[in-house]
PDB file of N, CA and C in Angstrom:
ATOM      1  N   TYR A   1     -62.569  26.652  54.219  1.00  0.00           N
ATOM      2  CA  TYR A   1     -63.930  27.646  53.856  1.00  0.00           C
ATOM      3  C   TYR A   1     -64.997  27.132  52.852  1.00  0.00           C
ATOM      4  N   ASP A   2     -64.323  26.255  51.756  1.00  0.00           N
ATOM      5  CA  ASP A   2     -65.310  26.187  50.849  1.00  0.00           C
ATOM      6  C   ASP A   2     -66.382  25.386  51.242  1.00  0.00           C
ATOM      7  N   LYS A   3     -66.481  24.568  52.321  1.00  0.00           N
ATOM      8  CA  LYS A   3     -67.404  23.624  52.757  1.00  0.00           C
ATOM      9  C   LYS A   3     -68.345  24.653  53.388  1.00  0.00           C
ATOM     10  N   THR A   4     -67.973  25.693  54.312  1.00  0.00           N
ATOM     11  CA  THR A   4     -68.733  26.583  54.906  1.00  0.00           C
ATOM     12  C   THR A   4     -69.658  27.070  53.837  1.00  0.00           C
ATOM     13  N   LEU A   5     -68.912  27.627  52.706  1.00  0.00           N
ATOM     14  CA  LEU A   5     -70.051  28.415  51.386  1.00  0.00           C
ATOM     15  C   LEU A   5     -70.477  27.485  50.725  1.00  0.00           C
ATOM     16  N   LEU A   6     -70.367  26.349  50.533  1.00  0.00           N
ATOM     17  CA  LEU A   6     -71.352  25.088  49.961  1.00  0.00           C
ATOM     18  C   LEU A   6     -72.434  24.845  51.047  1.00  0.00           C
ATOM     19  N   ALA A   7     -72.211  24.682  52.357  1.00  0.00           N
ATOM     20  CA  ALA A   7     -73.481  24.694  53.323  1.00  0.00           C
ATOM     21  C   ALA A   7     -74.231  25.871  53.161  1.00  0.00           C
ATOM     22  N   TRP A   8     -73.758  27.536  53.023  1.00  0.00           N
ATOM     23  CA  TRP A   8     -74.320  28.536  52.840  1.00  0.00           C
ATOM     24  C   TRP A   8     -75.337  28.540  51.472  1.00  0.00           C
ATOM     25  N   ASN A   9     -74.606  28.122  50.628  1.00  0.00           N
ATOM     26  CA  ASN A   9     -75.735  27.804  49.191  1.00  0.00           C
ATOM     27  C   ASN A   9     -76.845  26.953  49.790  1.00  0.00           C
ATOM     28  N   ASP A  10     -76.471  25.784  50.167  1.00  0.00           N
ATOM     29  CA  ASP A  10     -77.418  24.783  50.483  1.00  0.00           C
ATOM     30  C   ASP A  10     -78.604  25.393  51.436  1.00  0.00           C
ATOM     31  N   ASN A  11     -78.213  26.041  52.215  1.00  0.00           N
ATOM     32  CA  ASN A  11     -79.244  26.823  53.245  1.00  0.00           C
ATOM     33  C   ASN A  11     -80.109  28.110  52.197  1.00  0.00           C
ATOM     34  N   PHE A  12     -79.474  28.594  51.502  1.00  0.00           N
ATOM     35  CA  PHE A  12     -80.014  29.679  50.756  1.00  0.00           C
ATOM     36  C   PHE A  12     -81.035  28.634  49.817  1.00  0.00           C
ATOM     37  N   GLN A  13     -80.681  27.670  49.112  1.00  0.00           N
ATOM     38  CA  GLN A  13     -81.462  27.026  48.167  1.00  0.00           C
ATOM     39  C   GLN A  13     -82.546  26.352  48.779  1.00  0.00           C
ATOM     40  N   LYS A  14     -82.508  25.830  49.964  1.00  0.00           N
ATOM     41  CA  LYS A  14     -83.565  25.264  50.963  1.00  0.00           C
ATOM     42  C   LYS A  14     -84.356  26.514  51.473  1.00  0.00           C
ATOM     43  N   SER A  15     -84.085  27.657  51.358  1.00  0.00           N
ATOM     44  CA  SER A  15     -84.686  28.721  51.780  1.00  0.00           C
ATOM     45  C   SER A  15     -85.502  29.698  51.004  1.00  0.00           C
ATOM     46  N   TRP A  16     -84.990  29.503  49.845  1.00  0.00           N
ATOM     47  CA  TRP A  16     -85.442  30.325  48.219  1.00  0.00           C
ATOM     48  C   TRP A  16     -86.992  30.365  48.587  1.00  0.00           C
ATOM     49  N   SER A  17     -87.992  29.622  48.529  1.00  0.00           N
ATOM     50  CA  SER A  17     -89.271  29.478  48.545  1.00  0.00           C
ATOM     51  C   SER A  17     -89.795  30.594  49.574  1.00  0.00           C
ATOM     52  N   GLN A  18     -89.059  30.797  50.739  1.00  0.00           N
ATOM     53  CA  GLN A  18     -89.700  31.614  51.415  1.00  0.00           C
ATOM     54  C   GLN A  18     -89.100  33.246  51.383  1.00  0.00           C
ATOM     55  N   LEU A  19     -87.900  32.972  50.422  1.00  0.00           N
ATOM     56  CA  LEU A  19     -87.270  34.399  50.194  1.00  0.00           C
ATOM     57  C   LEU A  19     -88.022  35.232  48.836  1.00  0.00           C
ATOM     58  N   GLU A  20     -88.128  33.925  48.170  1.00  0.00           N
ATOM     59  CA  GLU A  20     -88.500  34.658  46.831  1.00  0.00           C
ATOM     60  C   GLU A  20     -89.523  35.731  46.898  1.00  0.00           C
ATOM     61  N   LYS A  21     -90.285  35.782  47.536  1.00  0.00           N
ATOM     62  CA  LYS A  21     -91.301  37.054  47.727  1.00  0.00           C
ATOM     63  C   LYS A  21     -90.758  38.261  47.897  1.00  0.00           C
ATOM     64  N   SER A  22     -89.601  38.432  48.456  1.00  0.00           N
ATOM     65  CA  SER A  22     -88.854  39.494  48.856  1.00  0.00           C
ATOM     66  C   SER A  22     -87.618  40.193  47.722  1.00  0.00           C
ATOM     67  N   TYR A  23     -87.200  38.788  46.933  1.00  0.00           N
ATOM     68  CA  TYR A  23     -86.276  39.251  46.283  1.00  0.00           C
ATOM     69  C   TYR A  23     -86.573  38.668  44.700  1.00  0.00           C
ATOM     70  N   SER A  24     -85.604  39.201  44.015  1.00  0.00           N
ATOM     71  CA  SER A  24     -85.807  38.918  42.511  1.00  0.00           C
ATOM     72  C   SER A  24     -84.923  37.850  41.899  1.00  0.00           C
ATOM     73  N   PRO A  25     -85.427  37.231  40.847  1.00  0.00           N
ATOM     74  CA  PRO A  25     -84.702  36.152  40.456  1.00  0.00           C
ATOM     75  C   PRO A  25     -83.067  36.544  40.219  1.00  0.00           C
ATOM     76  N   ARG A  26     -82.908  37.754  39.910  1.00  0.00           N
ATOM     77  CA  ARG A  26     -81.482  38.433  39.794  1.00  0.00           C
ATOM     78  C   ARG A  26     -80.594  38.421  41.111  1.00  0.00           C
ATOM     79  N   PHE A  27     -81.442  38.656  41.916  1.00  0.00           N
ATOM     80  CA  PHE A  27     -80.493  38.478  43.370  1.00  0.00           C
ATOM     81  C   PHE A  27     -80.204  37.196  43.346  1.00  0.00           C
ATOM     82  N   LYS A  28     -81.186  36.246  43.400  1.00  0.00           N
ATOM     83  CA  LYS A  28     -80.761  34.870  43.451  1.00  0.00           C
ATOM     84  C   LYS A  28     -79.682  34.160  42.789  1.00  0.00           C
ATOM     85  N   ARG A  29     -79.601  34.759  41.451  1.00  0.00           N
ATOM     86  CA  ARG A  29     -78.498  34.362  40.531  1.00  0.00           C
ATOM     87  C   ARG A  29     -77.220  34.995  40.991  1.00  0.00           C
ATOM     88  N   MET A  30     -77.100  36.145  41.410  1.00  0.00           N
ATOM     89  CA  MET A  30     -76.134  36.986  41.972  1.00  0.00           C
ATOM     90  C   MET A  30     -75.501  36.115  43.091  1.00  0.00           C
ATOM     91  N   TRP A  31     -76.266  35.712  44.223  1.00  0.00           N
ATOM     92  CA  TRP A  31     -76.138  34.917  45.568  1.00  0.00           C
ATOM     93  C   TRP A  31     -75.402  33.743  44.991  1.00  0.00           C
ATOM     94  N   GLU A  32     -75.934  32.945  44.051  1.00  0.00           N
ATOM     95  CA  GLU A  32     -75.548  31.397  43.642  1.00  0.00           C
ATOM     96  C   GLU A  32     -74.019  31.602  43.302  1.00  0.00           C
ATOM     97  N   PHE A  33     -74.078  32.705  42.240  1.00  0.00           N
ATOM     98  CA  PHE A  33     -72.759  32.843  41.744  1.00  0.00           C
ATOM     99  C   PHE A  33     -71.654  33.206  42.500  1.00  0.00           C
ATOM    100  N   TYR A  34     -72.002  33.936  43.607  1.00  0.00           N
ATOM    101  CA  TYR A  34     -70.957  34.314  44.692  1.00  0.00           C
ATOM    102  C   TYR A  34     -70.870  33.375  45.555  1.00  0.00           C
ATOM    103  N   LEU A  35     -71.774  32.291  45.898  1.00  0.00           N
ATOM    104  CA  LEU A  35     -71.452  31.770  46.801  1.00  0.00           C
ATOM    105  C   LEU A  35     -70.461  30.483  46.094  1.00  0.00           C
ATOM    106  N   LEU A  36     -70.865  30.195  45.051  1.00  0.00           N
ATOM    107  CA  LEU A  36     -70.289  29.281  44.277  1.00  0.00           C
ATOM    108  C   LEU A  36     -68.757  29.215  43.785  1.00  0.00           C
ATOM    109  N   GLN A  37     -68.725  30.581  43.408  1.00  0.00           N
ATOM    110  CA  GLN A  37     -67.574  30.951  42.719  1.00  0.00           C
ATOM    111  C   GLN A  37     -66.445  31.123  43.737  1.00  0.00           C
ATOM    112  N   VAL A  38     -66.801  31.746  44.866  1.00  0.00           N
ATOM    113  CA  VAL A  38     -65.898  31.650  45.689  1.00  0.00           C
ATOM    114  C   VAL A  38     -65.380  30.359  46.494  1.00  0.00           C
ATOM    115  N   ALA A  39     -66.469  29.510  46.742  1.00  0.00           N
ATOM    116  CA  ALA A  39     -66.294  28.210  46.879  1.00  0.00           C
ATOM    117  C   ALA A  39     -65.243  27.602  45.939  1.00  0.00           C
ATOM    118  N   GLY A  40     -65.317  27.728  44.908  1.00  0.00           N
ATOM    119  CA  GLY A  40     -64.667  27.099  43.603  1.00  0.00           C
ATOM    120  C   GLY A  40     -63.210  27.725  43.816  1.00  0.00           C
ATOM    121  N   VAL A  41     -62.959  28.825  44.128  1.00  0.00           N
ATOM    122  CA  VAL A  41     -61.761  29.434  44.477  1.00  0.00           C
ATOM    123  C   VAL A  41     -61.011  29.111  45.563  1.00  0.00           C
ATOM    124  N   PHE A  42     -61.594  28.962  46.588  1.00  0.00           N
ATOM    125  CA  PHE A  42     -61.274  28.377  47.637  1.00  0.00           C
ATOM    126  C   PHE A  42     -60.718  26.778  47.670  1.00  0.00           C
ATOM    127  N   ARG A  43     -61.488  26.133  46.945  1.00  0.00           N
ATOM    128  CA  ARG A  43     -61.191  24.991  46.774  1.00  0.00           C
ATOM    129  C   ARG A  43     -59.857  24.420  45.570  1.00  0.00           C
ATOM    130  N   ALA A  44     -59.745  25.578  44.620  1.00  0.00           N
ATOM    131  CA  ALA A  44     -58.758  25.436  43.572  1.00  0.00           C
ATOM    132  C   ALA A  44     -57.508  25.895  44.488  1.00  0.00           C
ATOM    133  N   ARG A  45     -57.502  26.387  45.537  1.00  0.00           N
ATOM    134  CA  ARG A  45     -56.430  27.401  45.986  1.00  0.00           C
ATOM    135  C   ARG A  45     -55.541  28.230  45.453  1.00  0.00           C
ATOM    136  N   ASN A  46     -56.328  28.925  44.400  1.00  0.00           N
ATOM    137  CA  ASN A  46     -55.803  29.879  43.667  1.00  0.00           C
ATOM    138  C   ASN A  46     -56.570  31.256  43.758  1.00  0.00           C
ATOM    139  N   GLN A  47     -56.214  31.752  44.609  1.00  0.00           N
ATOM    140  CA  GLN A  47     -56.616  33.242  44.974  1.00  0.00           C
ATOM    141  C   GLN A  47     -55.539  34.247  45.272  1.00  0.00           C
ATOM    142  N   GLN A  48     -55.900  35.350  44.896  1.00  0.00           N
ATOM    143  CA  GLN A  48     -55.203  36.716  45.101  1.00  0.00           C
ATOM    144  C   GLN A  48     -56.069  38.041  45.637  1.00  0.00           C
ATOM    145  N   LEU A  49     -55.540  38.574  46.279  1.00  0.00           N
ATOM    146  CA  LEU A  49     -55.894  39.676  47.177  1.00  0.00           C
ATOM    147  C   LEU A  49     -55.177  40.876  46.467  1.00  0.00           C
ATOM    148  N   TRP A  50     -55.688  41.965  45.805  1.00  0.00           N
ATOM    149  CA  TRP A  50     -55.026  43.248  45.718  1.00  0.00           C
ATOM    150  C   TRP A  50     -55.450  44.331  46.434  1.00  0.00           C
ATOM    151  N   GLN A  51     -54.734  45.395  46.840  1.00  0.00           N
ATOM    152  CA  GLN A  51     -55.446  46.807  47.134  1.00  0.00           C
ATOM    153  C   GLN A  51     -54.839  47.782  46.280  1.00  0.00           C
ATOM    154  N   ILE A  52     -55.546  48.405  45.699  1.00  0.00           N
ATOM    155  CA  ILE A  52     -54.578  49.504  44.915  1.00  0.00           C
ATOM    156  C   ILE A  52     -55.404  50.750  45.405  1.00  0.00           C
ATOM    157  N   ILE A  53     -54.108  51.872  45.708  1.00  0.00           N
ATOM    158  CA  ILE A  53     -54.962  53.254  46.508  1.00  0.00           C
ATOM    159  C   ILE A  53     -54.664  53.949  45.483  1.00  0.00           C
ATOM    160  N   LEU A  54     -55.382  54.646  44.856  1.00  0.00           N
ATOM    161  CA  LEU A  54     -54.978  55.871  43.906  1.00  0.00           C
ATOM    162  C   LEU A  54     -55.445  57.160  44.539  1.00  0.00           C
ATOM    163  N   THR A  55     -54.408  58.179  44.399  1.00  0.00           N
ATOM    164  CA  THR A  55     -54.808  59.426  44.830  1.00  0.00           C
ATOM    165  C   THR A  55     -54.197  60.334  43.935  1.00  0.00           C
ATOM    166  N   HIS A  56     -54.437  61.577  43.964  1.00  0.00           N
ATOM    167  CA  HIS A  56     -54.284  62.902  43.434  1.00  0.00           C
ATOM    168  C   HIS A  56     -52.629  63.192  43.770  1.00  0.00           C
ATOM    169  N   PRO A  57     -52.325  63.757  42.637  1.00  0.00           N
ATOM    170  CA  PRO A  57     -50.707  64.100  42.591  1.00  0.00           C
ATOM    171  C   PRO A  57     -50.835  65.214  43.828  1.00  0.00           C
ATOM    172  N   GLY A  58     -50.046  65.040  44.951  1.00  0.00           N
ATOM    173  CA  GLY A  58     -49.849  66.259  46.099  1.00  0.00           C
ATOM    174  C   GLY A  58     -50.378  65.626  46.989  1.00  0.00           C
ATOM    175  N   THR A  59     -50.925  64.607  47.117  1.00  0.00           N
ATOM    176  CA  THR A  59     -51.654  63.921  48.233  1.00  0.00           C
ATOM    177  C   THR A  59     -50.795  63.406  49.397  1.00  0.00           C
ATOM    178  N   LYS A  60     -50.939  63.770  50.526  1.00  0.00           N
ATOM    179  CA  LYS A  60     -50.167  63.305  51.510  1.00  0.00           C
ATOM    180  C   LYS A  60     -50.117  61.521  51.455  1.00  0.00           C
ATOM    181  N   GLN A  61     -49.021  61.002  51.327  1.00  0.00           N
ATOM    182  CA  GLN A  61     -49.034  59.542  51.150  1.00  0.00           C
ATOM    183  C   GLN A  61     -48.766  58.948  52.733  1.00  0.00           C
ATOM    184  N   LEU A  62     -49.740  58.063  53.101  1.00  0.00           N
ATOM    185  CA  LEU A  62     -49.746  57.213  54.234  1.00  0.00           C
ATOM    186  C   LEU A  62     -49.191  55.942  53.925  1.00  0.00           C
ATOM    187  N   ASP A  63     -48.717  55.219  54.841  1.00  0.00           N
ATOM    188  CA  ASP A  63     -47.890  53.873  54.959  1.00  0.00           C
ATOM    189  C   ASP A  63     -49.411  53.029  55.191  1.00  0.00           C
ATOM    190  N   TYR A  64     -49.549  52.390  54.017  1.00  0.00           N
ATOM    191  CA  TYR A  64     -50.467  51.609  54.258  1.00  0.00           C
ATOM    192  C   TYR A  64     -49.993  49.960  54.473  1.00  0.00           C
ATOM    193  N   ARG A  65     -49.069  49.765  54.171  1.00  0.00           N
ATOM    194  CA  ARG A  65     -48.582  48.325  54.495  1.00  0.00           C
ATOM    195  C   ARG A  65     -48.732  47.749  56.170  1.00  0.00           C
ATOM    196  N   LYS A  66     -49.303  48.886  56.988  1.00  0.00           N
ATOM    197  CA  LYS A  66     -49.341  48.304  58.461  1.00  0.00           C
ATOM    198  C   LYS A  66     -50.374  47.278  58.624  1.00  0.00           C
TER     199      LYS A  66
END
């Protein structure tokens, strides 16, 4: 998947001259960070996914392990 993310980043960079009229430099930096950071995580094979569900006391507890 890292190759896909790097290809998306390459396409994003090539298209930026057309996009920059509609988006801020901050938007560009966020997407660059996201695409390259996630590509790095996949390449390093070092990732974790956590899902934490917080509820108020007395709330009916559902089985989320399905």
